[in-house]
């Protein structure tokens, strides 16, 4: 299980970019801002990624026998790994005990050479990993992602009254733009 701790400070596309894309004048800004967030979340969910820098907590019931896969790439960093030891006391694992691979997608955490994962208390969510993920700022987002978000916003805006006349080819176009960098989760 993972939980959003700190949402992105900005969206991948700005209100001005959306206004230009939809050829709108100011006036529906609050509605458009909501569409931007909804479209971003749709695209992130399809790709199993996050775009603008975000902080998340990953919870595990115990340390796995091998490496730990960090969901929602691209992984920027791991802030800490905390766990309940065999007596139920909360501990922080020293960073010298593990190695972070932010280049793999999804990101990975390995035990350091010659080290082993500590024993944990036998209860749900006894391991907590705080991590930072995303491409960085909005300016760092790949153009095909921005275009996908703009297409989704346009579709949501055009069909805000319901699903009458929804053109499924828009979602197919969005998914074809996003598919090459989609992360499969098992």
Protein backbone atom coordinates (compact mmCIF):
# COMPACT_ATOMS: atom_id res chain seq x y z
CA UNK A 1 0.00 0.00 0.00
CA UNK A 2 1.20 3.50 -0.71
CA UNK A 3 -0.12 6.87 0.37
CA UNK A 4 0.41 10.38 -0.97
CA UNK A 5 2.11 12.55 1.66
CA UNK A 6 3.00 15.70 -0.27
CA UNK A 7 1.17 16.37 -3.55
CA UNK A 8 2.84 18.11 -6.48
CA UNK A 9 3.42 21.83 -5.94
CA UNK A 10 2.32 22.53 -9.51
CA UNK A 11 0.55 20.80 -12.36
CA UNK A 12 2.33 19.62 -15.52
CA UNK A 13 0.32 22.09 -17.60
CA UNK A 14 -0.63 25.61 -16.57
CA UNK A 15 -4.00 27.30 -16.67
CA UNK A 16 -2.66 29.56 -19.43
CA UNK A 17 -1.58 26.56 -21.53
CA UNK A 18 -5.04 25.04 -21.16
CA UNK A 19 -6.78 28.30 -22.02
CA UNK A 20 -4.67 28.55 -25.17
CA UNK A 21 -5.30 24.88 -26.05
CA UNK A 22 -9.07 25.22 -25.59
CA UNK A 23 -9.17 28.79 -26.97
CA UNK A 24 -10.89 30.06 -23.82
CA UNK A 25 -11.10 33.43 -22.18
CA UNK A 26 -10.76 33.76 -18.40
CA UNK A 27 -13.95 33.01 -16.52
CA UNK A 28 -14.07 29.29 -15.82
CA UNK A 29 -10.68 29.13 -14.13
CA UNK A 30 -11.76 27.13 -11.06
CA UNK A 31 -13.44 24.53 -13.26
CA UNK A 32 -10.41 24.32 -15.57
CA UNK A 33 -8.01 23.94 -12.62
CA UNK A 34 -10.08 20.93 -11.50
CA UNK A 35 -9.91 19.45 -14.99
CA UNK A 36 -6.13 19.86 -15.03
CA UNK A 37 -5.76 17.83 -11.82
CA UNK A 38 -8.25 15.19 -13.00
CA UNK A 39 -6.50 14.81 -16.37
CA UNK A 40 -3.09 14.54 -14.70
CA UNK A 41 -4.35 11.86 -12.33
CA UNK A 42 -5.91 9.96 -15.25
CA UNK A 43 -2.63 9.98 -17.18
CA UNK A 44 -0.55 9.12 -14.10
CA UNK A 45 -2.85 6.19 -13.31
CA UNK A 46 -2.65 4.88 -16.87
CA UNK A 47 1.16 5.03 -16.85
CA UNK A 48 1.58 3.96 -13.19
CA UNK A 49 3.90 6.96 -12.78
CA UNK A 50 3.90 10.38 -11.16
CA UNK A 51 4.91 13.49 -13.03
CA UNK A 52 5.71 16.55 -10.92
CA UNK A 53 7.75 15.85 -7.74
CA UNK A 54 5.65 14.22 -5.00
CA UNK A 55 6.36 12.55 -1.67
CA UNK A 56 4.85 9.17 -0.86
CA UNK A 57 4.91 6.56 1.89
CA UNK A 58 5.11 2.89 0.94
CA UNK A 59 4.00 0.41 3.60
CA UNK A 60 5.01 -3.26 3.69
CA UNK A 61 4.08 -5.96 6.19
CA UNK A 62 7.72 -7.15 6.28
CA UNK A 63 10.93 -6.79 4.31
CA UNK A 64 10.87 -8.99 1.18
CA UNK A 65 13.49 -11.70 0.62
CA UNK A 66 15.03 -9.75 -2.29
CA UNK A 67 14.91 -6.15 -3.37
CA UNK A 68 12.09 -3.69 -2.71
CA UNK A 69 10.32 -2.26 -5.75
CA UNK A 70 9.31 1.36 -5.28
CA UNK A 71 6.09 2.14 -7.18
CA UNK A 72 5.34 5.32 -9.13
CA UNK A 73 8.53 6.06 -11.04
CA UNK A 74 10.65 7.93 -11.70
CA UNK A 75 12.18 7.56 -8.24
CA UNK A 76 14.19 10.58 -7.13
CA UNK A 77 15.22 9.58 -3.62
CA UNK A 78 14.41 7.61 -0.49
CA UNK A 79 14.06 9.81 2.58
CA UNK A 80 14.02 6.99 5.12
CA UNK A 81 13.11 3.40 5.88
CA UNK A 82 11.45 2.82 9.24
CA UNK A 83 10.31 -0.48 10.66
CA UNK A 84 8.97 -2.04 13.82
CA UNK A 85 11.61 -4.37 15.18
CA UNK A 86 10.81 -7.84 16.54
CA UNK A 87 9.78 -6.32 19.90
CA UNK A 88 7.47 -3.75 18.25
CA UNK A 89 9.74 -0.70 18.70
CA UNK A 90 9.97 1.76 15.80
CA UNK A 91 13.47 1.89 14.29
CA UNK A 92 15.06 3.81 11.42
CA UNK A 93 17.25 1.73 9.13
CA UNK A 94 20.65 3.36 8.60
CA UNK A 95 21.20 4.37 4.96
CA UNK A 96 24.45 2.35 4.98
CA UNK A 97 22.28 -0.79 5.30
CA UNK A 98 20.70 -0.40 1.84
CA UNK A 99 21.39 0.83 -1.69
CA UNK A 100 18.87 2.81 -3.74
CA UNK A 101 18.68 2.33 -7.51
CA UNK A 102 16.71 5.32 -8.87
CA UNK A 103 17.58 4.48 -12.49
CA UNK A 104 15.54 1.28 -12.74
CA UNK A 105 11.84 1.64 -13.35
CA UNK A 106 10.32 1.00 -10.97
CA UNK A 107 13.06 2.14 -8.59
CA UNK A 108 14.67 -0.48 -6.40
CA UNK A 109 16.14 -0.75 -2.91
CA UNK A 110 18.71 -3.49 -2.30
CA UNK A 111 20.36 -4.67 0.87
CA UNK A 112 23.91 -3.36 1.07
CA UNK A 113 26.62 -5.93 0.40
CA UNK A 114 26.92 -8.35 3.31
CA UNK A 115 23.80 -6.96 5.03
CA UNK A 116 20.39 -8.50 5.59
CA UNK A 117 16.99 -7.02 6.21
CA UNK A 118 16.13 -6.84 9.91
CA UNK A 119 13.37 -8.95 11.43
CA UNK A 120 10.09 -7.08 11.80
CA UNK A 121 7.16 -7.22 14.17
CA UNK A 122 4.46 -9.52 12.74
CA UNK A 123 1.75 -6.97 11.96
CA UNK A 124 0.44 -5.11 8.95
CA UNK A 125 2.44 -2.14 7.67
CA UNK A 126 5.45 -2.71 9.92
CA UNK A 127 7.80 -1.24 7.28
CA UNK A 128 7.45 2.37 6.09
CA UNK A 129 9.49 3.80 3.21
CA UNK A 130 9.20 7.52 2.52
CA UNK A 131 10.22 8.32 -1.06
CA UNK A 132 10.19 11.21 -3.50
CA UNK A 133 9.17 10.55 -7.09
CA UNK A 134 8.45 12.42 -10.31
CA UNK A 135 10.32 13.98 -13.21
CA UNK A 136 10.86 17.22 -11.29
CA UNK A 137 9.16 20.52 -12.11
CA UNK A 138 6.47 21.01 -14.75
CA UNK A 139 9.15 22.13 -17.20
CA UNK A 140 10.75 18.66 -16.94
CA UNK A 141 7.66 16.73 -18.02
CA UNK A 142 8.04 15.00 -21.42
CA UNK A 143 6.01 16.68 -24.19
CA UNK A 144 3.91 13.59 -24.98
CA UNK A 145 2.67 13.58 -21.39
CA UNK A 146 1.75 17.27 -21.54
CA UNK A 147 -0.03 16.71 -24.84
CA UNK A 148 -1.93 13.76 -23.37
CA UNK A 149 -3.06 15.87 -20.42
CA UNK A 150 -4.21 18.64 -22.76
CA UNK A 151 -6.17 16.13 -24.87
CA UNK A 152 -7.84 14.69 -21.77
CA UNK A 153 -8.74 18.18 -20.52
CA UNK A 154 -10.26 19.05 -23.89
CA UNK A 155 -12.28 15.82 -23.83
CA UNK A 156 -13.50 16.41 -20.27
CA UNK A 157 -14.36 20.03 -21.08
CA UNK A 158 -16.28 19.11 -24.24
CA UNK A 159 -18.29 16.39 -22.48
CA UNK A 160 -18.90 17.99 -19.12
CA UNK A 161 -22.63 17.42 -19.33
CA UNK A 162 -22.39 13.65 -19.53
CA UNK A 163 -21.24 10.93 -21.84
CA UNK A 164 -23.41 11.85 -24.83
CA UNK A 165 -21.30 11.80 -27.93
CA UNK A 166 -18.05 10.80 -26.20
CA UNK A 167 -15.46 9.88 -28.79
CA UNK A 168 -13.51 6.85 -27.54
CA UNK A 169 -10.76 7.62 -30.06
CA UNK A 170 -9.56 10.47 -27.80
CA UNK A 171 -8.72 8.01 -25.02
CA UNK A 172 -7.05 5.76 -27.59
CA UNK A 173 -4.93 8.70 -28.78
CA UNK A 174 -4.02 9.59 -25.20
CA UNK A 175 -3.08 6.01 -24.39
CA UNK A 176 -1.01 5.66 -27.56
CA UNK A 177 1.01 8.72 -26.54
CA UNK A 178 1.48 7.39 -23.00
CA UNK A 179 1.96 3.69 -23.79
CA UNK A 180 5.72 3.68 -24.59
CA UNK A 181 6.63 4.75 -21.02
CA UNK A 182 3.88 2.86 -19.20
CA UNK A 183 5.00 0.81 -16.22
CA UNK A 184 3.40 -2.60 -15.83
CA UNK A 185 2.67 -3.50 -12.26
CA UNK A 186 2.30 -7.11 -11.24
